[in-house]
Amino acid sequence: MNAAHQEFDEIDRQAAQWVDRMNRPLHDAEVAAEFDRWIMDDPRHVESYARFQALWQSGSLYHALQAGEEGPEDCGTAAEPAANRAPQAWKQFAAFAGAALCLVGLVSLGARALVSESHYVAAQGATRAVALADGSKVRLSGGTRMSVRMTPWSREVSLQQGEAFFDVAHEKLRTFSVNTGNSSVTVLGTAFDIDLVDHETRVVRVYRGLVSVDAGAGRQWRLPAGSGIEVGGGRVRSLGEVRGDHPGWIDGWFDADDTSVQQLVRRINRGSRLPVVLADPGLGDLLVTGRFQTSDAEMVLEAVAAIHNLQWRKEPARYVLSR
């Protein structure tokens, strides 16, 4: 076998392995990034992957393997020539490979033409609804920044600041991953909320489906609907039962569960016309539990002041919470 044939055989081998890996139920952001680098490296990778993906989707491979498990006697009659009993996956490959030609035809335009990137920002004090190209819907809280990268093989979001509620369109082949800098969340089709509390703390709540949370260093959790987790500073805390089909902040409410006053203040400031500041930074470590109407900053301050025997005042450009 000459060098050229060996090279193409190696590309096909790699493509087959990637089809297997990318069709598994969940994979982390590192796998998606590795695949991204591989397929963008050479147009032949796109072509080979498309061919094997068409075979995978056809179902012929499954039937061929099933026939093999049933034994030789089930593969044809005694009068049928052996040559006609080749695995059905390969006999039908030419027919199903046509489905791959649409993708292969785009190779001439360059693999990068298959990638789209978008950036979204929600103004301070306002929420923003975003409809993504795959049919997924995202609601951004005030001051949130997000970037989205769509390819034929992946859906990747970078959440740089704030909080976002994701209602992900289900797809069999492409996972949907959200990178928050020090952790990532991966799903196929579900509804969940991610809150970047500060530079290291992330809160994830799941309202439908299943998500995989990866905080690096081998720390990984699978969260079903109705559960949540807070990760940050080397600490992990399970949250109370998550109810409803969307987070309360969308309706102007916040459910605190031993939540710091500092976190509650950040929540208020995302939607308040006037920011809340703490006269003493130590007040931020106090904890509160309950349901707060964050769309009404004064009502929340009144409640916090009553809980911890504090005071608050309104100034021309801010609210001040003090002892």
Protein backbone atom coordinates (compact mmCIF):
# COMPACT_ATOMS: atom_id res chain seq x y z
CA MET A 1 0.00 0.00 0.00
CA ASN A 2 1.47 3.37 -0.99
CA ALA A 3 1.85 6.33 1.34
CA ALA A 4 -1.18 8.18 -0.06
CA HIS A 5 -3.49 5.23 0.56
CA GLN A 6 -2.09 4.80 4.05
CA GLU A 7 -2.77 8.46 4.78
CA PHE A 8 -6.39 8.23 3.62
CA ASP A 9 -6.90 5.02 5.63
CA GLU A 10 -5.60 6.80 8.73
CA ILE A 11 -7.98 9.73 8.17
CA ASP A 12 -10.92 7.33 7.79
CA ARG A 13 -9.89 5.50 10.97
CA GLN A 14 -9.78 8.77 12.89
CA ALA A 15 -13.12 9.88 11.42
CA ALA A 16 -14.79 6.62 12.46
CA GLN A 17 -13.48 7.05 15.99
CA TRP A 18 -14.78 10.63 16.14
CA VAL A 19 -18.24 9.60 14.91
CA ASP A 20 -18.38 7.09 17.74
CA ARG A 21 -17.24 9.62 20.37
CA MET A 22 -19.49 12.47 19.19
CA ASN A 23 -22.61 10.27 19.17
CA ARG A 24 -22.30 9.35 22.83
CA PRO A 25 -24.95 10.91 25.12
CA LEU A 26 -22.63 13.41 26.85
CA HIS A 27 -19.08 14.61 26.39
CA ASP A 28 -17.19 17.46 28.00
CA ALA A 29 -15.97 20.71 26.50
CA GLU A 30 -12.40 19.40 26.14
CA VAL A 31 -13.56 16.60 23.82
CA ALA A 32 -15.57 19.11 21.74
CA ALA A 33 -12.55 21.41 21.49
CA GLU A 34 -10.29 18.51 20.46
CA PHE A 35 -12.76 17.49 17.76
CA ASP A 36 -13.02 21.10 16.62
CA ARG A 37 -9.25 21.26 16.11
CA TRP A 38 -9.15 17.93 14.28
CA ILE A 39 -11.93 18.62 11.77
CA MET A 40 -10.72 22.15 11.01
CA ASP A 41 -7.18 20.95 10.39
CA ASP A 42 -7.80 19.41 6.97
CA PRO A 43 -10.77 19.53 4.51
CA ARG A 44 -10.34 15.77 4.06
CA HIS A 45 -11.32 15.36 7.69
CA VAL A 46 -14.68 17.02 6.97
CA GLU A 47 -15.27 14.75 3.98
CA SER A 48 -14.38 11.55 5.82
CA TYR A 49 -16.41 12.48 8.89
CA ALA A 50 -19.43 13.26 6.71
CA ARG A 51 -19.26 9.86 5.04
CA PHE A 52 -19.06 7.95 8.29
CA GLN A 53 -21.72 10.10 9.92
CA ALA A 54 -24.09 9.31 7.02
CA LEU A 55 -23.46 5.61 7.57
CA TRP A 56 -24.09 5.97 11.29
CA GLN A 57 -27.39 7.79 10.77
CA SER A 58 -28.59 5.30 8.18
CA GLY A 59 -29.01 2.51 10.72
CA SER A 60 -27.39 0.02 8.35
CA LEU A 61 -24.42 -0.48 10.64
CA TYR A 62 -26.71 -1.44 13.50
CA HIS A 63 -28.59 -3.97 11.36
CA ALA A 64 -25.35 -5.45 10.04
CA LEU A 65 -23.99 -5.94 13.56
CA GLN A 66 -27.29 -7.41 14.65
CA ALA A 67 -27.21 -9.86 11.75
CA GLY A 68 -23.69 -10.86 12.70
CA GLU A 69 -24.81 -11.67 16.26
CA GLU A 70 -27.61 -13.89 14.95
CA GLY A 71 -25.12 -16.24 13.34
CA PRO A 72 -24.14 -17.32 9.80
CA GLU A 73 -27.33 -19.31 9.28
CA ASP A 74 -29.39 -16.10 9.42
CA CYS A 75 -27.37 -14.28 6.78
CA GLY A 76 -28.93 -15.96 3.74
CA THR A 77 -30.06 -19.25 2.22
CA ALA A 78 -27.74 -22.06 1.25
CA ALA A 79 -28.33 -21.30 -2.42
CA GLU A 80 -27.34 -17.66 -1.99
CA PRO A 81 -23.76 -16.97 -3.13
CA ALA A 82 -21.41 -15.95 -0.30
CA ALA A 83 -20.49 -12.78 -2.18
CA ASN A 84 -24.09 -11.58 -1.81
CA ARG A 85 -24.00 -11.95 1.97
CA ALA A 86 -21.61 -9.04 2.58
CA PRO A 87 -22.52 -6.81 5.56
CA GLN A 88 -25.50 -4.68 4.61
CA ALA A 89 -23.82 -1.57 6.02
CA TRP A 90 -21.22 -1.61 3.28
CA LYS A 91 -23.58 -2.80 0.50
CA GLN A 92 -25.81 0.19 1.15
CA PHE A 93 -23.04 2.66 1.86
CA ALA A 94 -23.07 4.20 -1.61
CA ALA A 95 -26.77 4.99 -1.33
CA PHE A 96 -26.50 6.64 2.04
CA ALA A 97 -23.23 8.42 1.31
CA GLY A 98 -25.25 10.77 -0.89
CA ALA A 99 -26.58 12.37 2.26
CA ALA A 100 -23.03 13.39 3.08
CA LEU A 101 -22.42 15.14 -0.22
CA CYS A 102 -24.21 18.30 0.91
CA LEU A 103 -21.67 18.74 3.67
CA VAL A 104 -18.75 17.59 1.55
CA GLY A 105 -19.68 20.14 -1.12
CA LEU A 106 -19.10 22.89 1.39
CA VAL A 107 -15.48 21.82 1.80
CA SER A 108 -14.61 23.78 -1.33
CA LEU A 109 -15.74 26.92 0.46
CA GLY A 110 -13.39 26.17 3.33
CA ALA A 111 -14.19 24.48 6.62
CA ARG A 112 -14.36 27.81 8.42
CA ALA A 113 -17.37 28.82 6.33
CA LEU A 114 -19.35 26.26 8.36
CA VAL A 115 -18.77 28.14 11.61
CA SER A 116 -20.86 31.07 12.88
CA GLU A 117 -20.10 33.21 15.92
CA SER A 118 -22.40 35.70 17.68
CA HIS A 119 -22.06 37.96 20.71
CA TYR A 120 -24.86 39.13 23.01
CA VAL A 121 -25.06 41.71 25.83
CA ALA A 122 -27.97 42.58 28.12
CA ALA A 123 -28.01 46.19 29.34
CA GLN A 124 -27.70 46.84 33.05
CA GLY A 125 -31.15 46.85 34.65
CA ALA A 126 -32.82 44.97 31.78
CA THR A 127 -33.23 41.37 30.62
CA ARG A 128 -32.82 40.20 27.04
CA ALA A 129 -34.37 37.26 25.16
CA VAL A 130 -32.16 35.59 22.55
CA ALA A 131 -33.18 32.99 19.95
CA LEU A 132 -30.23 30.93 18.70
CA ALA A 133 -29.88 29.48 15.20
CA ASP A 134 -30.51 25.91 16.42
CA GLY A 135 -33.87 26.83 17.98
CA SER A 136 -32.55 27.14 21.54
CA LYS A 137 -33.78 30.08 23.62
CA VAL A 138 -31.72 32.07 26.12
CA ARG A 139 -32.83 34.74 28.61
CA LEU A 140 -30.04 37.03 29.81
CA SER A 141 -30.25 38.94 33.09
CA GLY A 142 -29.10 42.55 33.35
CA GLY A 143 -25.40 43.10 32.64
CA THR A 144 -24.86 39.62 31.17
CA ARG A 145 -22.37 39.00 28.36
CA MET A 146 -22.37 35.85 26.21
CA SER A 147 -20.76 34.54 23.01
CA VAL A 148 -22.14 31.67 20.90
CA ARG A 149 -20.27 29.49 18.40
CA MET A 150 -22.24 27.15 16.13
CA THR A 151 -20.70 24.50 13.88
CA PRO A 152 -22.20 21.45 12.13
CA TRP A 153 -20.71 19.31 14.92
CA SER A 154 -21.01 21.45 18.07
CA ARG A 155 -22.92 24.20 19.90
CA GLU A 156 -20.66 26.17 22.23
CA VAL A 157 -21.48 29.09 24.52
CA SER A 158 -19.06 31.25 26.49
CA LEU A 159 -20.77 32.98 29.42
CA GLN A 160 -18.44 35.78 30.51
CA GLN A 161 -20.57 37.65 33.04
CA GLY A 162 -23.97 37.64 34.72
CA GLU A 163 -26.67 34.98 34.56
CA ALA A 164 -28.52 33.18 31.79
CA PHE A 165 -31.40 30.72 31.54
CA PHE A 166 -31.01 28.21 28.69
CA ASP A 167 -33.90 26.32 27.08
CA VAL A 168 -31.92 24.06 24.75
CA ALA A 169 -33.36 22.55 21.57
CA HIS A 170 -32.79 18.79 21.61
CA GLU A 171 -30.46 17.41 18.95
CA LYS A 172 -29.32 13.81 18.68
CA LEU A 173 -25.87 14.57 17.33
CA ARG A 174 -24.74 17.97 18.65
CA THR A 175 -24.27 18.57 22.34
CA PHE A 176 -24.73 22.05 23.80
CA SER A 177 -21.95 23.23 26.11
CA VAL A 178 -21.58 26.38 28.23
CA ASN A 179 -18.11 27.44 29.35
CA THR A 180 -17.94 29.79 32.35
CA GLY A 181 -14.17 30.11 32.64
CA ASN A 182 -13.52 27.70 35.51
CA SER A 183 -16.30 25.21 34.83
CA SER A 184 -18.48 23.95 32.00
CA VAL A 185 -21.98 22.53 31.56
CA THR A 186 -22.85 20.05 28.79
CA VAL A 187 -26.30 18.90 27.66
CA LEU A 188 -28.23 17.52 24.69
CA GLY A 189 -31.62 19.14 25.25
CA THR A 190 -32.75 20.58 28.56
CA ALA A 191 -33.52 23.76 30.52
CA PHE A 192 -31.09 25.11 33.10
CA ASP A 193 -29.81 28.32 34.68
CA ILE A 194 -26.19 29.41 35.26
CA ASP A 195 -25.29 32.26 37.59
CA LEU A 196 -21.73 33.64 37.61
CA VAL A 197 -21.91 34.89 41.19
CA ASP A 198 -18.33 36.19 41.27
CA HIS A 199 -14.96 35.46 39.66
CA GLU A 200 -14.90 31.89 41.03
CA THR A 201 -18.42 30.91 42.18
CA ARG A 202 -20.93 29.33 39.78
CA VAL A 203 -24.50 28.27 40.55
CA VAL A 204 -26.29 25.80 38.26
CA ARG A 205 -29.98 24.92 38.56
CA VAL A 206 -31.70 22.34 36.33
CA TYR A 207 -35.36 22.69 35.39
CA ARG A 208 -35.67 19.99 32.72
CA GLY A 209 -33.50 17.12 31.49
CA LEU A 210 -29.96 16.31 32.64
CA VAL A 211 -26.75 18.34 32.71
CA SER A 212 -23.11 17.46 33.27
CA VAL A 213 -21.11 19.99 35.31
CA ASP A 214 -17.33 19.85 34.98
CA ALA A 215 -15.27 21.98 37.37
CA GLY A 216 -11.90 20.56 36.30
CA ALA A 217 -9.38 18.47 38.27
CA GLY A 218 -11.64 15.43 37.85
CA ARG A 219 -14.58 17.11 39.60
CA GLN A 220 -17.72 16.30 37.64
CA TRP A 221 -21.38 15.96 38.54
CA ARG A 222 -24.56 14.95 36.72
CA LEU A 223 -27.59 16.95 37.80
CA PRO A 224 -31.15 15.82 36.98
CA ALA A 225 -34.13 18.14 36.79
CA GLY A 226 -35.09 19.61 40.15
CA SER A 227 -31.53 19.82 41.49
CA GLY A 228 -28.82 22.45 41.70
CA ILE A 229 -25.23 22.96 42.75
CA GLU A 230 -22.94 25.81 43.81
CA VAL A 231 -19.24 25.44 42.98
CA GLY A 232 -16.52 27.89 43.94
CA GLY A 233 -13.38 28.40 45.99
CA GLY A 234 -12.79 24.67 46.29
CA ARG A 235 -16.25 24.24 47.84
CA VAL A 236 -19.28 22.38 46.51
CA ARG A 237 -22.78 22.86 47.91
CA SER A 238 -25.96 21.11 46.84
CA LEU A 239 -28.93 23.44 46.61
CA GLY A 240 -32.48 22.86 47.78
CA GLU A 241 -35.19 21.50 45.53
CA VAL A 242 -35.48 23.45 42.26
CA ARG A 243 -39.14 24.02 41.41
CA GLY A 244 -40.99 25.32 38.38
CA ASP A 245 -39.96 25.42 34.75
CA HIS A 246 -37.79 28.57 34.88
CA PRO A 247 -35.84 30.60 37.46
CA GLY A 248 -37.65 33.16 39.57
CA TRP A 249 -35.43 36.07 38.46
CA ILE A 250 -37.18 36.09 35.10
CA ASP A 251 -40.33 37.17 36.97
CA GLY A 252 -38.41 39.52 39.29
CA TRP A 253 -37.93 37.12 42.23
CA PHE A 254 -34.93 35.41 43.85
CA ASP A 255 -35.08 32.32 46.07
CA ALA A 256 -32.27 32.55 48.62
CA ASP A 257 -31.07 29.43 50.43
CA ASP A 258 -28.43 30.42 53.01
CA THR A 259 -27.33 32.97 50.43
CA SER A 260 -24.89 35.74 51.33
CA VAL A 261 -26.12 39.32 51.44
CA GLN A 262 -23.36 40.16 48.95
CA GLN A 263 -24.85 37.72 46.44
CA LEU A 264 -28.33 39.09 47.03
CA VAL A 265 -27.04 42.64 46.48
CA ARG A 266 -25.45 41.58 43.18
CA ARG A 267 -28.79 40.14 42.16
CA ILE A 268 -30.60 43.40 42.98
CA ASN A 269 -28.03 45.48 41.12
CA ARG A 270 -28.57 43.57 37.87
CA GLY A 271 -32.06 45.02 37.59
CA SER A 272 -32.13 48.10 39.82
CA ARG A 273 -31.93 51.65 38.46
CA LEU A 274 -29.99 52.65 41.58
CA PRO A 275 -27.23 50.33 42.83
CA VAL A 276 -27.09 48.99 46.37
CA VAL A 277 -23.77 49.40 48.22
CA LEU A 278 -22.66 48.07 51.62
CA ALA A 279 -21.32 50.62 54.10
CA ASP A 280 -19.37 47.78 55.74
CA PRO A 281 -18.01 45.02 53.45
CA GLY A 282 -18.48 42.58 56.31
CA LEU A 283 -22.24 42.83 55.86
CA GLY A 284 -21.83 40.85 52.66
CA ASP A 285 -21.02 37.69 54.64
CA LEU A 286 -24.38 37.65 56.44
CA LEU A 287 -26.74 34.91 55.23
CA VAL A 288 -30.41 35.11 54.26
CA THR A 289 -33.05 32.57 53.31
CA GLY A 290 -36.37 33.33 51.69
CA ARG A 291 -38.05 34.64 48.56
CA PHE A 292 -37.14 38.21 47.67
CA GLN A 293 -38.76 40.43 45.04
CA THR A 294 -35.54 41.75 43.53
CA SER A 295 -37.47 43.94 41.10
CA ASP A 296 -38.27 46.11 44.16
CA ALA A 297 -34.91 47.03 45.73
CA GLU A 298 -36.45 48.96 48.63
CA MET A 299 -38.65 46.04 49.64
CA VAL A 300 -35.63 43.70 49.69
CA LEU A 301 -33.56 46.15 51.74
CA GLU A 302 -36.40 46.48 54.23
CA ALA A 303 -36.53 42.69 54.62
CA VAL A 304 -32.76 42.27 55.00
CA ALA A 305 -32.62 45.11 57.52
CA ALA A 306 -35.35 43.43 59.60
CA ILE A 307 -33.62 40.01 59.50
CA HIS A 308 -30.23 41.28 60.68
CA ASN A 309 -31.21 44.46 62.56
CA LEU A 310 -29.63 46.75 59.95
CA GLN A 311 -30.50 50.11 58.42
CA TRP A 312 -30.71 51.40 54.87
CA ARG A 313 -31.08 54.78 53.25
CA LYS A 314 -31.68 56.14 49.78
CA GLU A 315 -29.23 58.65 48.34
CA PRO A 316 -29.50 60.50 44.99
CA ALA A 317 -27.38 57.92 43.13
CA ARG A 318 -27.53 54.78 45.30
CA TYR A 319 -28.95 52.80 48.20
CA VAL A 320 -26.73 52.25 51.25
CA LEU A 321 -27.09 49.31 53.66
CA SER A 322 -25.41 49.80 57.05
CA ARG A 323 -25.43 48.68 60.68
